[in-house]
Amino acid sequence: MRSTMRTALFASAALVSSVLMAQQKDHNDAFVRGPGDESRIAQQVRHQLLMLPYYTIFDDLAFRVNGSTVTLLGDVTNPVLKSDAENVAKRVEGVTQVINQINVLPLSDMDWQIRRAEFRAIYGDPSIGDRYGHQALPGIHIIVNNGHVKLEGVVANQGDKNLINVRANGVPNVFSIENDLQVAGS
């Protein structure tokens, strides 16, 4: 019985030491900079930003990666989203500095009325809403700043971009429309 327990003890000690050595090796390898490090950081930052709980179609988050520095860009309606975006970017492995250039949009009842009207005009159109509106975070973002509307996101073709522009221009009380939608593959 004692020899069986002793054998089991030695076997488990050998297993634990080999696992610890493997973990230590993997841990050290994670900090070695390679050519794919920026793309890995970009992929992880993108994932973390998309998972933020207050990120809506009325917000636009973007970022740039330069080495181990992440620069956050865009416009948000909720100040908490700005700080949350910075916090999740800082926690990405390999990021040493985060520069937060996110603009918090001013509180305005008129802007919220325009946001709702633009949402109804764009996503209420069956040819747009059926294609782009059935996602957890739809791809067309509507940014309203003091009555000026900016459309951000990616659409499938030029026809969709033009149709969305026509629908957005049909909303009253808007000072200007800036259509920054990108056509996929262009």
C-alpha atoms as a PDB file:
ATOM      1  CA  MET A   1       0.000   0.000   0.000  1.00  0.00           C
ATOM      2  CA  ARG A   2       2.817   2.403   0.934  1.00  0.00           C
ATOM      3  CA  SER A   3       4.745   1.665  -2.237  1.00  0.00           C
ATOM      4  CA  THR A   4       1.602   2.286  -4.326  1.00  0.00           C
ATOM      5  CA  MET A   5       1.022   5.632  -2.595  1.00  0.00           C
ATOM      6  CA  ARG A   6       4.687   6.548  -2.948  1.00  0.00           C
ATOM      7  CA  THR A   7       4.600   5.719  -6.681  1.00  0.00           C
ATOM      8  CA  ALA A   8       1.431   7.780  -7.128  1.00  0.00           C
ATOM      9  CA  LEU A   9       3.000  10.668  -5.215  1.00  0.00           C
ATOM     10  CA  PHE A  10       6.151  10.632  -7.380  1.00  0.00           C
ATOM     11  CA  ALA A  11       4.075  10.373 -10.562  1.00  0.00           C
ATOM     12  CA  SER A  12       1.887  13.320  -9.582  1.00  0.00           C
ATOM     13  CA  ALA A  13       4.951  15.383  -8.564  1.00  0.00           C
ATOM     14  CA  ALA A  14       6.577  14.671 -11.929  1.00  0.00           C
ATOM     15  CA  LEU A  15       3.355  15.609 -13.731  1.00  0.00           C
ATOM     16  CA  VAL A  16       2.987  18.869 -11.778  1.00  0.00           C
ATOM     17  CA  SER A  17       6.613  19.885 -12.410  1.00  0.00           C
ATOM     18  CA  SER A  18       6.325  19.163 -16.157  1.00  0.00           C
ATOM     19  CA  VAL A  19       3.066  21.161 -16.359  1.00  0.00           C
ATOM     20  CA  LEU A  20       4.659  24.073 -14.474  1.00  0.00           C
ATOM     21  CA  MET A  21       7.673  24.029 -16.798  1.00  0.00           C
ATOM     22  CA  ALA A  22       5.367  24.017 -19.854  1.00  0.00           C
ATOM     23  CA  GLN A  23       3.290  26.876 -18.447  1.00  0.00           C
ATOM     24  CA  GLN A  24       6.417  28.887 -17.690  1.00  0.00           C
ATOM     25  CA  LYS A  25       7.729  28.301 -21.214  1.00  0.00           C
ATOM     26  CA  ASP A  26       4.397  29.347 -22.781  1.00  0.00           C
ATOM     27  CA  HIS A  27       4.193  32.366 -20.477  1.00  0.00           C
ATOM     28  CA  ASN A  28       7.647  33.567 -21.521  1.00  0.00           C
ATOM     29  CA  ASP A  29       6.928  32.946 -25.202  1.00  0.00           C
ATOM     30  CA  ALA A  30       3.845  35.193 -24.979  1.00  0.00           C
ATOM     31  CA  PHE A  31       6.027  38.235 -24.323  1.00  0.00           C
ATOM     32  CA  VAL A  32       8.322  37.730 -27.304  1.00  0.00           C
ATOM     33  CA  ARG A  33       7.478  40.364 -29.915  1.00  0.00           C
ATOM     34  CA  GLY A  34       6.897  39.037 -33.384  1.00  0.00           C
ATOM     35  CA  PRO A  35       5.695  40.410 -36.715  1.00  0.00           C
ATOM     36  CA  GLY A  36       2.123  39.298 -36.004  1.00  0.00           C
ATOM     37  CA  ASP A  37       1.937  41.021 -32.619  1.00  0.00           C
ATOM     38  CA  GLU A  38       0.164  44.159 -33.890  1.00  0.00           C
ATOM     39  CA  SER A  39      -2.481  42.127 -35.709  1.00  0.00           C
ATOM     40  CA  ARG A  40      -3.042  39.979 -32.607  1.00  0.00           C
ATOM     41  CA  ILE A  41      -3.406  43.113 -30.469  1.00  0.00           C
ATOM     42  CA  ALA A  42      -5.777  44.660 -33.025  1.00  0.00           C
ATOM     43  CA  GLN A  43      -7.916  41.525 -33.123  1.00  0.00           C
ATOM     44  CA  GLN A  44      -8.153  41.354 -29.324  1.00  0.00           C
ATOM     45  CA  VAL A  45      -8.869  45.087 -28.910  1.00  0.00           C
ATOM     46  CA  ARG A  46     -11.613  44.875 -31.566  1.00  0.00           C
ATOM     47  CA  HIS A  47     -13.185  41.906 -29.794  1.00  0.00           C
ATOM     48  CA  GLN A  48     -13.079  43.637 -26.409  1.00  0.00           C
ATOM     49  CA  LEU A  49     -14.626  46.850 -27.793  1.00  0.00           C
ATOM     50  CA  LEU A  50     -17.461  44.942 -29.472  1.00  0.00           C
ATOM     51  CA  MET A  51     -18.228  43.206 -26.167  1.00  0.00           C
ATOM     52  CA  LEU A  52     -18.743  46.466 -24.243  1.00  0.00           C
ATOM     53  CA  PRO A  53     -22.243  46.491 -22.726  1.00  0.00           C
ATOM     54  CA  TYR A  54     -23.183  50.098 -23.552  1.00  0.00           C
ATOM     55  CA  TYR A  55     -21.916  50.093 -27.169  1.00  0.00           C
ATOM     56  CA  THR A  56     -24.886  50.870 -29.449  1.00  0.00           C
ATOM     57  CA  ILE A  57     -25.569  51.904 -33.038  1.00  0.00           C
ATOM     58  CA  PHE A  58     -25.490  55.523 -31.853  1.00  0.00           C
ATOM     59  CA  ASP A  59     -21.796  55.152 -30.932  1.00  0.00           C
ATOM     60  CA  ASP A  60     -18.760  54.786 -33.162  1.00  0.00           C
ATOM     61  CA  LEU A  61     -15.593  53.235 -31.781  1.00  0.00           C
ATOM     62  CA  ALA A  62     -12.391  52.888 -33.777  1.00  0.00           C
ATOM     63  CA  PHE A  63      -8.745  52.368 -32.897  1.00  0.00           C
ATOM     64  CA  ARG A  64      -5.212  52.340 -34.282  1.00  0.00           C
ATOM     65  CA  VAL A  65      -2.380  50.084 -33.181  1.00  0.00           C
ATOM     66  CA  ASN A  66       1.191  51.322 -33.423  1.00  0.00           C
ATOM     67  CA  GLY A  67       3.527  48.777 -31.879  1.00  0.00           C
ATOM     68  CA  SER A  68       2.212  48.265 -28.364  1.00  0.00           C
ATOM     69  CA  THR A  69       0.324  51.599 -28.280  1.00  0.00           C
ATOM     70  CA  VAL A  70      -3.422  51.645 -28.922  1.00  0.00           C
ATOM     71  CA  THR A  71      -5.131  54.914 -29.867  1.00  0.00           C
ATOM     72  CA  LEU A  72      -8.904  54.911 -29.314  1.00  0.00           C
ATOM     73  CA  LEU A  73     -11.017  57.090 -31.625  1.00  0.00           C
ATOM     74  CA  GLY A  74     -14.686  57.787 -32.277  1.00  0.00           C
ATOM     75  CA  ASP A  75     -17.794  59.278 -30.722  1.00  0.00           C
ATOM     76  CA  VAL A  76     -19.943  57.906 -27.894  1.00  0.00           C
ATOM     77  CA  THR A  77     -23.201  58.969 -26.266  1.00  0.00           C
ATOM     78  CA  ASN A  78     -22.334  57.592 -22.825  1.00  0.00           C
ATOM     79  CA  PRO A  79     -19.241  58.820 -20.906  1.00  0.00           C
ATOM     80  CA  VAL A  80     -18.979  55.421 -19.194  1.00  0.00           C
ATOM     81  CA  LEU A  81     -18.361  53.842 -22.602  1.00  0.00           C
ATOM     82  CA  LYS A  82     -15.295  56.055 -23.097  1.00  0.00           C
ATOM     83  CA  SER A  83     -13.698  54.935 -19.838  1.00  0.00           C
ATOM     84  CA  ASP A  84     -14.770  51.295 -20.333  1.00  0.00           C
ATOM     85  CA  ALA A  85     -13.159  51.249 -23.791  1.00  0.00           C
ATOM     86  CA  GLU A  86      -9.902  52.543 -22.331  1.00  0.00           C
ATOM     87  CA  ASN A  87      -9.989  50.000 -19.507  1.00  0.00           C
ATOM     88  CA  VAL A  88     -10.546  46.973 -21.772  1.00  0.00           C
ATOM     89  CA  ALA A  89      -7.835  48.139 -24.189  1.00  0.00           C
ATOM     90  CA  LYS A  90      -5.356  48.459 -21.305  1.00  0.00           C
ATOM     91  CA  ARG A  91      -6.049  44.859 -20.262  1.00  0.00           C
ATOM     92  CA  VAL A  92      -5.145  43.387 -23.665  1.00  0.00           C
ATOM     93  CA  GLU A  93      -1.900  41.463 -23.413  1.00  0.00           C
ATOM     94  CA  GLY A  94       0.947  43.301 -25.120  1.00  0.00           C
ATOM     95  CA  VAL A  95      -0.570  46.793 -24.838  1.00  0.00           C
ATOM     96  CA  THR A  96       1.726  49.177 -22.970  1.00  0.00           C
ATOM     97  CA  GLN A  97      -0.044  52.489 -23.613  1.00  0.00           C
ATOM     98  CA  VAL A  98      -3.599  53.577 -24.469  1.00  0.00           C
ATOM     99  CA  ILE A  99      -4.291  57.042 -25.877  1.00  0.00           C
ATOM    100  CA  ASN A 100      -7.994  57.802 -25.495  1.00  0.00           C
ATOM    101  CA  GLN A 101      -9.234  60.293 -28.110  1.00  0.00           C
ATOM    102  CA  ILE A 102     -12.892  59.231 -27.921  1.00  0.00           C
ATOM    103  CA  ASN A 103     -15.284  62.188 -28.047  1.00  0.00           C
ATOM    104  CA  VAL A 104     -18.309  62.131 -25.717  1.00  0.00           C
ATOM    105  CA  LEU A 105     -21.278  63.605 -27.568  1.00  0.00           C
ATOM    106  CA  PRO A 106     -23.188  66.383 -25.775  1.00  0.00           C
ATOM    107  CA  LEU A 107     -26.521  65.668 -24.113  1.00  0.00           C
ATOM    108  CA  SER A 108     -29.288  67.010 -26.306  1.00  0.00           C
ATOM    109  CA  ASP A 109     -32.969  66.114 -26.513  1.00  0.00           C
ATOM    110  CA  MET A 110     -33.000  67.264 -30.128  1.00  0.00           C
ATOM    111  CA  ASP A 111     -30.089  64.955 -30.989  1.00  0.00           C
ATOM    112  CA  TRP A 112     -31.918  62.013 -29.385  1.00  0.00           C
ATOM    113  CA  GLN A 113     -35.019  62.809 -31.446  1.00  0.00           C
ATOM    114  CA  ILE A 114     -32.871  62.863 -34.580  1.00  0.00           C
ATOM    115  CA  ARG A 115     -31.192  59.557 -33.606  1.00  0.00           C
ATOM    116  CA  ARG A 116     -34.578  57.860 -33.187  1.00  0.00           C
ATOM    117  CA  ALA A 117     -35.907  59.334 -36.442  1.00  0.00           C
ATOM    118  CA  GLU A 118     -32.776  58.296 -38.368  1.00  0.00           C
ATOM    119  CA  PHE A 119     -32.972  54.805 -36.876  1.00  0.00           C
ATOM    120  CA  ARG A 120     -36.606  54.458 -37.990  1.00  0.00           C
ATOM    121  CA  ALA A 121     -35.872  55.870 -41.446  1.00  0.00           C
ATOM    122  CA  ILE A 122     -32.845  53.644 -42.080  1.00  0.00           C
ATOM    123  CA  TYR A 123     -33.674  50.394 -40.310  1.00  0.00           C
ATOM    124  CA  GLY A 124     -37.421  50.747 -40.938  1.00  0.00           C
ATOM    125  CA  ASP A 125     -36.814  50.313 -44.669  1.00  0.00           C
ATOM    126  CA  PRO A 126     -37.238  46.553 -45.280  1.00  0.00           C
ATOM    127  CA  SER A 127     -34.462  46.397 -47.862  1.00  0.00           C
ATOM    128  CA  ILE A 128     -32.018  47.866 -45.322  1.00  0.00           C
ATOM    129  CA  GLY A 129     -33.412  46.593 -42.028  1.00  0.00           C
ATOM    130  CA  ASP A 130     -33.727  42.989 -43.207  1.00  0.00           C
ATOM    131  CA  ARG A 131     -30.127  42.937 -44.422  1.00  0.00           C
ATOM    132  CA  TYR A 132     -28.327  44.983 -41.758  1.00  0.00           C
ATOM    133  CA  GLY A 133     -30.662  45.230 -38.762  1.00  0.00           C
ATOM    134  CA  HIS A 134     -30.806  41.651 -37.496  1.00  0.00           C
ATOM    135  CA  GLN A 135     -27.504  41.590 -35.645  1.00  0.00           C
ATOM    136  CA  ALA A 136     -26.657  42.104 -31.993  1.00  0.00           C
ATOM    137  CA  LEU A 137     -24.840  45.279 -33.045  1.00  0.00           C
ATOM    138  CA  PRO A 138     -25.992  46.365 -36.518  1.00  0.00           C
ATOM    139  CA  GLY A 139     -23.229  47.476 -38.867  1.00  0.00           C
ATOM    140  CA  ILE A 140     -24.578  50.934 -39.707  1.00  0.00           C
ATOM    141  CA  HIS A 141     -23.882  53.443 -36.933  1.00  0.00           C
ATOM    142  CA  ILE A 142     -25.756  56.746 -36.653  1.00  0.00           C
ATOM    143  CA  ILE A 143     -23.723  59.487 -34.957  1.00  0.00           C
ATOM    144  CA  VAL A 144     -25.571  62.740 -34.193  1.00  0.00           C
ATOM    145  CA  ASN A 145     -23.664  65.757 -32.894  1.00  0.00           C
ATOM    146  CA  ASN A 146     -25.622  69.008 -32.484  1.00  0.00           C
ATOM    147  CA  GLY A 147     -27.963  68.201 -35.371  1.00  0.00           C
ATOM    148  CA  HIS A 148     -25.227  66.980 -37.722  1.00  0.00           C
ATOM    149  CA  VAL A 149     -25.491  63.297 -38.690  1.00  0.00           C
ATOM    150  CA  LYS A 150     -22.574  61.049 -39.598  1.00  0.00           C
ATOM    151  CA  LEU A 151     -23.167  57.518 -40.906  1.00  0.00           C
ATOM    152  CA  GLU A 152     -20.406  54.991 -40.181  1.00  0.00           C
ATOM    153  CA  GLY A 153     -20.039  51.322 -41.004  1.00  0.00           C
ATOM    154  CA  VAL A 154     -19.740  48.871 -43.869  1.00  0.00           C
ATOM    155  CA  VAL A 155     -22.388  48.015 -46.471  1.00  0.00           C
ATOM    156  CA  ALA A 156     -22.434  45.323 -49.151  1.00  0.00           C
ATOM    157  CA  ASN A 157     -22.658  47.535 -52.241  1.00  0.00           C
ATOM    158  CA  GLN A 158     -22.883  51.091 -53.567  1.00  0.00           C
ATOM    159  CA  GLY A 159     -26.659  50.786 -54.033  1.00  0.00           C
ATOM    160  CA  ASP A 160     -27.144  50.141 -50.300  1.00  0.00           C
ATOM    161  CA  LYS A 161     -24.915  53.110 -49.466  1.00  0.00           C
ATOM    162  CA  ASN A 162     -26.965  55.368 -51.754  1.00  0.00           C
ATOM    163  CA  LEU A 163     -30.308  54.077 -50.424  1.00  0.00           C
ATOM    164  CA  ILE A 164     -29.215  54.642 -46.812  1.00  0.00           C
ATOM    165  CA  ASN A 165     -28.094  58.152 -47.742  1.00  0.00           C
ATOM    166  CA  VAL A 166     -31.501  58.911 -49.312  1.00  0.00           C
ATOM    167  CA  ARG A 167     -33.340  57.550 -46.246  1.00  0.00           C
ATOM    168  CA  ALA A 168     -31.107  59.554 -43.861  1.00  0.00           C
ATOM    169  CA  ASN A 169     -31.622  62.764 -45.857  1.00  0.00           C
ATOM    170  CA  GLY A 170     -35.395  62.365 -45.523  1.00  0.00           C
ATOM    171  CA  VAL A 171     -35.330  63.043 -41.768  1.00  0.00           C
ATOM    172  CA  PRO A 172     -36.355  66.604 -40.811  1.00  0.00           C
ATOM    173  CA  ASN A 173     -34.444  68.962 -38.460  1.00  0.00           C
ATOM    174  CA  VAL A 174     -31.030  67.675 -39.588  1.00  0.00           C
ATOM    175  CA  PHE A 175     -28.392  70.275 -40.444  1.00  0.00           C
ATOM    176  CA  SER A 176     -26.136  67.979 -42.475  1.00  0.00           C
ATOM    177  CA  ILE A 177     -25.515  64.333 -43.378  1.00  0.00           C
ATOM    178  CA  GLU A 178     -21.979  62.966 -43.708  1.00  0.00           C
ATOM    179  CA  ASN A 179     -22.082  59.532 -45.326  1.00  0.00           C
ATOM    180  CA  ASP A 180     -18.871  57.746 -44.300  1.00  0.00           C
ATOM    181  CA  LEU A 181     -20.239  54.270 -45.058  1.00  0.00           C
ATOM    182  CA  GLN A 182     -17.670  52.006 -46.687  1.00  0.00           C
ATOM    183  CA  VAL A 183     -18.539  49.530 -49.431  1.00  0.00           C
ATOM    184  CA  ALA A 184     -17.170  46.056 -48.651  1.00  0.00           C
ATOM    185  CA  GLY A 185     -14.350  45.080 -50.968  1.00  0.00           C
ATOM    186  CA  SER A 186     -13.582  48.633 -52.119  1.00  0.00           C
END
